[in-house]
Amino acid sequence: MSGVDPVTLPVEGAANGALVALIAKALKVSRGSVRIVTGDQSRLKILEIDGVAQADLDRVFGSP
């Protein structure tokens, strides 16, 4: 055995799905409105979110 606990290995796509669900819930939009544009296999991601105004993003996540 390689010494890697198989329980701790990431399930393909599970973290991305959880991220999409979390963002959708926070912004009160459907999961279909949130898409990962780039970074689906990276820690850094670019999301596209339909139906959300900049003011809503600032309210939920804070302004930059």
C-alpha atoms as a PDB file:
ATOM      1  CA  MET A   1       0.000   0.000   0.000  1.00  0.00           C
ATOM      2  CA  SER A   2       1.246   3.530  -0.742  1.00  0.00           C
ATOM      3  CA  GLY A   3       0.474   4.941   2.681  1.00  0.00           C
ATOM      4  CA  VAL A   4      -2.308   7.157   1.327  1.00  0.00           C
ATOM      5  CA  ASP A   5      -5.610   6.710   3.087  1.00  0.00           C
ATOM      6  CA  PRO A   6      -8.179   6.104   0.312  1.00  0.00           C
ATOM      7  CA  VAL A   7     -10.889   7.686   2.470  1.00  0.00           C
ATOM      8  CA  THR A   8      -9.131  11.058   2.230  1.00  0.00           C
ATOM      9  CA  LEU A   9      -8.740  11.003  -1.548  1.00  0.00           C
ATOM     10  CA  PRO A  10     -10.949  13.555  -3.289  1.00  0.00           C
ATOM     11  CA  VAL A  11     -13.984  12.254  -5.114  1.00  0.00           C
ATOM     12  CA  GLU A  12     -13.840  13.576  -8.661  1.00  0.00           C
ATOM     13  CA  GLY A  13     -16.085  16.611  -8.996  1.00  0.00           C
ATOM     14  CA  ALA A  14     -17.466  16.431  -5.455  1.00  0.00           C
ATOM     15  CA  ALA A  15     -15.659  19.559  -4.250  1.00  0.00           C
ATOM     16  CA  ASN A  16     -16.674  21.491  -7.361  1.00  0.00           C
ATOM     17  CA  GLY A  17     -20.291  20.426  -6.899  1.00  0.00           C
ATOM     18  CA  ALA A  18     -20.173  21.468  -3.258  1.00  0.00           C
ATOM     19  CA  LEU A  19     -18.711  24.857  -4.233  1.00  0.00           C
ATOM     20  CA  VAL A  20     -21.435  25.445  -6.834  1.00  0.00           C
ATOM     21  CA  ALA A  21     -24.129  24.468  -4.315  1.00  0.00           C
ATOM     22  CA  LEU A  22     -22.639  26.743  -1.633  1.00  0.00           C
ATOM     23  CA  ILE A  23     -22.413  29.770  -3.946  1.00  0.00           C
ATOM     24  CA  ALA A  24     -25.922  29.153  -5.317  1.00  0.00           C
ATOM     25  CA  LYS A  25     -27.366  28.933  -1.818  1.00  0.00           C
ATOM     26  CA  ALA A  26     -25.560  32.061  -0.627  1.00  0.00           C
ATOM     27  CA  LEU A  27     -26.813  34.053  -3.637  1.00  0.00           C
ATOM     28  CA  LYS A  28     -30.279  32.440  -3.650  1.00  0.00           C
ATOM     29  CA  VAL A  29     -30.043  31.252  -7.256  1.00  0.00           C
ATOM     30  CA  SER A  30     -30.336  27.788  -8.781  1.00  0.00           C
ATOM     31  CA  ARG A  31     -27.267  25.597  -9.045  1.00  0.00           C
ATOM     32  CA  GLY A  32     -27.693  25.756 -12.814  1.00  0.00           C
ATOM     33  CA  SER A  33     -27.029  29.506 -12.632  1.00  0.00           C
ATOM     34  CA  VAL A  34     -23.515  28.905 -11.276  1.00  0.00           C
ATOM     35  CA  ARG A  35     -20.824  27.487 -13.560  1.00  0.00           C
ATOM     36  CA  ILE A  36     -17.116  26.926 -13.152  1.00  0.00           C
ATOM     37  CA  VAL A  37     -15.590  28.568 -16.236  1.00  0.00           C
ATOM     38  CA  THR A  38     -11.960  27.723 -15.514  1.00  0.00           C
ATOM     39  CA  GLY A  39     -10.124  25.900 -12.769  1.00  0.00           C
ATOM     40  CA  ASP A  40     -12.270  22.799 -12.452  1.00  0.00           C
ATOM     41  CA  GLN A  41      -9.107  20.870 -11.517  1.00  0.00           C
ATOM     42  CA  SER A  42      -7.419  23.716  -9.637  1.00  0.00           C
ATOM     43  CA  ARG A  43      -7.778  25.444  -6.293  1.00  0.00           C
ATOM     44  CA  LEU A  44      -8.280  28.768  -8.108  1.00  0.00           C
ATOM     45  CA  LYS A  45     -11.515  29.013 -10.054  1.00  0.00           C
ATOM     46  CA  ILE A  46     -13.398  31.509 -12.175  1.00  0.00           C
ATOM     47  CA  LEU A  47     -17.163  31.286 -11.842  1.00  0.00           C
ATOM     48  CA  GLU A  48     -19.935  32.578 -14.063  1.00  0.00           C
ATOM     49  CA  ILE A  49     -23.178  33.343 -12.247  1.00  0.00           C
ATOM     50  CA  ASP A  50     -26.393  34.256 -14.053  1.00  0.00           C
ATOM     51  CA  GLY A  51     -29.026  36.563 -12.616  1.00  0.00           C
ATOM     52  CA  VAL A  52     -26.969  38.231  -9.891  1.00  0.00           C
ATOM     53  CA  ALA A  53     -26.201  41.945  -9.672  1.00  0.00           C
ATOM     54  CA  GLN A  54     -22.857  43.258  -8.469  1.00  0.00           C
ATOM     55  CA  ALA A  55     -24.619  44.761  -5.438  1.00  0.00           C
ATOM     56  CA  ASP A  56     -25.796  41.267  -4.445  1.00  0.00           C
ATOM     57  CA  LEU A  57     -22.261  39.899  -4.746  1.00  0.00           C
ATOM     58  CA  ASP A  58     -20.934  42.759  -2.614  1.00  0.00           C
ATOM     59  CA  ARG A  59     -23.653  42.217  -0.001  1.00  0.00           C
ATOM     60  CA  VAL A  60     -23.004  38.479   0.315  1.00  0.00           C
ATOM     61  CA  PHE A  61     -19.226  38.340  -0.101  1.00  0.00           C
ATOM     62  CA  GLY A  62     -18.139  41.906   0.656  1.00  0.00           C
ATOM     63  CA  SER A  63     -16.801  44.444  -1.796  1.00  0.00           C
ATOM     64  CA  PRO A  64     -13.191  44.128  -2.989  1.00  0.00           C
END
